[in-house]
């Protein structure tokens, strides 16, 4: 089974937004390779705080979760 995003949320414990569709658009050749940013999220859910991206995804029949801080690069699978 190929890689696919089940759910992606971006923000802080105070405010998170669903960014699943935004990150799905960045999948190329079955992989995700992006820098986590407000630009991809199209929103800053909690100004002046570092946000975390949490992605739940399927790869090779397994459900996995990965997190990345705002400004860092995330590569999946």
Protein backbone atom coordinates (compact mmCIF):
# COMPACT_ATOMS: atom_id res chain seq x y z
CA UNK A 1 0.00 0.00 0.00
CA UNK A 2 1.37 3.39 -0.92
CA UNK A 3 1.97 6.38 1.29
CA UNK A 4 -1.00 8.60 2.10
CA UNK A 5 -1.81 11.22 4.69
CA UNK A 6 -4.70 10.37 6.99
CA UNK A 7 -4.70 13.61 8.98
CA UNK A 8 -2.42 16.61 9.42
CA UNK A 9 -2.79 19.27 12.11
CA UNK A 10 -0.65 22.36 12.62
CA UNK A 11 -0.45 24.66 15.61
CA UNK A 12 0.11 24.74 19.35
CA UNK A 13 -1.81 23.20 22.27
CA UNK A 14 -3.73 26.51 22.37
CA UNK A 15 -4.88 26.41 18.75
CA UNK A 16 -4.57 23.79 16.03
CA UNK A 17 -5.89 23.78 12.48
CA UNK A 18 -6.51 20.92 10.07
CA UNK A 19 -4.00 21.15 7.19
CA UNK A 20 -4.55 17.71 5.67
CA UNK A 21 -5.56 19.00 2.23
CA UNK A 22 -2.71 21.55 2.13
CA UNK A 23 -0.08 18.89 2.79
CA UNK A 24 -1.68 16.33 0.45
CA UNK A 25 -1.09 18.85 -2.38
CA UNK A 26 2.67 18.61 -1.72
CA UNK A 27 2.93 14.85 -2.25
CA UNK A 28 5.02 14.14 -5.35
CA UNK A 29 6.04 10.69 -6.61
CA UNK A 30 4.56 9.12 -3.48
CA UNK A 31 6.64 11.27 -1.11
CA UNK A 32 6.28 14.39 0.99
CA UNK A 33 9.35 16.64 1.29
CA UNK A 34 8.60 20.16 2.56
CA UNK A 35 9.61 22.77 5.11
CA UNK A 36 6.86 23.17 7.71
CA UNK A 37 5.53 26.73 7.49
CA UNK A 38 2.61 29.09 7.88
CA UNK A 39 2.70 29.51 4.08
CA UNK A 40 1.72 25.89 3.48
CA UNK A 41 -0.88 26.08 6.24
CA UNK A 42 -2.18 29.35 4.71
CA UNK A 43 -2.65 30.55 8.28
CA UNK A 44 -0.79 31.27 11.51
CA UNK A 45 -2.92 29.53 14.13
CA UNK A 46 -1.02 30.95 17.13
CA UNK A 47 1.03 34.05 16.38
CA UNK A 48 4.39 34.47 18.15
CA UNK A 49 4.59 30.79 19.12
CA UNK A 50 6.47 27.96 17.40
CA UNK A 51 3.98 25.61 15.80
CA UNK A 52 4.15 21.81 15.46
CA UNK A 53 2.92 19.81 12.48
CA UNK A 54 1.55 16.38 13.37
CA UNK A 55 0.91 14.02 10.46
CA UNK A 56 -0.86 10.69 10.77
CA UNK A 57 -0.18 8.62 7.68
CA UNK A 58 -0.33 5.15 6.14
CA UNK A 59 2.72 3.54 4.62
CA UNK A 60 3.15 -0.11 3.65
CA UNK A 61 -0.08 -0.96 5.49
CA UNK A 62 1.02 0.62 8.77
CA UNK A 63 -0.45 3.69 10.45
CA UNK A 64 2.31 6.00 11.68
CA UNK A 65 2.64 9.49 13.16
CA UNK A 66 5.42 12.03 12.74
CA UNK A 67 5.87 15.53 14.13
CA UNK A 68 7.98 18.44 12.92
CA UNK A 69 8.54 21.96 14.25
CA UNK A 70 7.77 25.06 12.23
CA UNK A 71 10.77 25.86 10.04
CA UNK A 72 12.05 22.28 9.94
CA UNK A 73 11.99 19.91 6.97
CA UNK A 74 9.72 16.88 6.97
CA UNK A 75 10.25 13.96 4.62
CA UNK A 76 7.78 11.08 4.39
CA UNK A 77 7.70 8.17 4.09
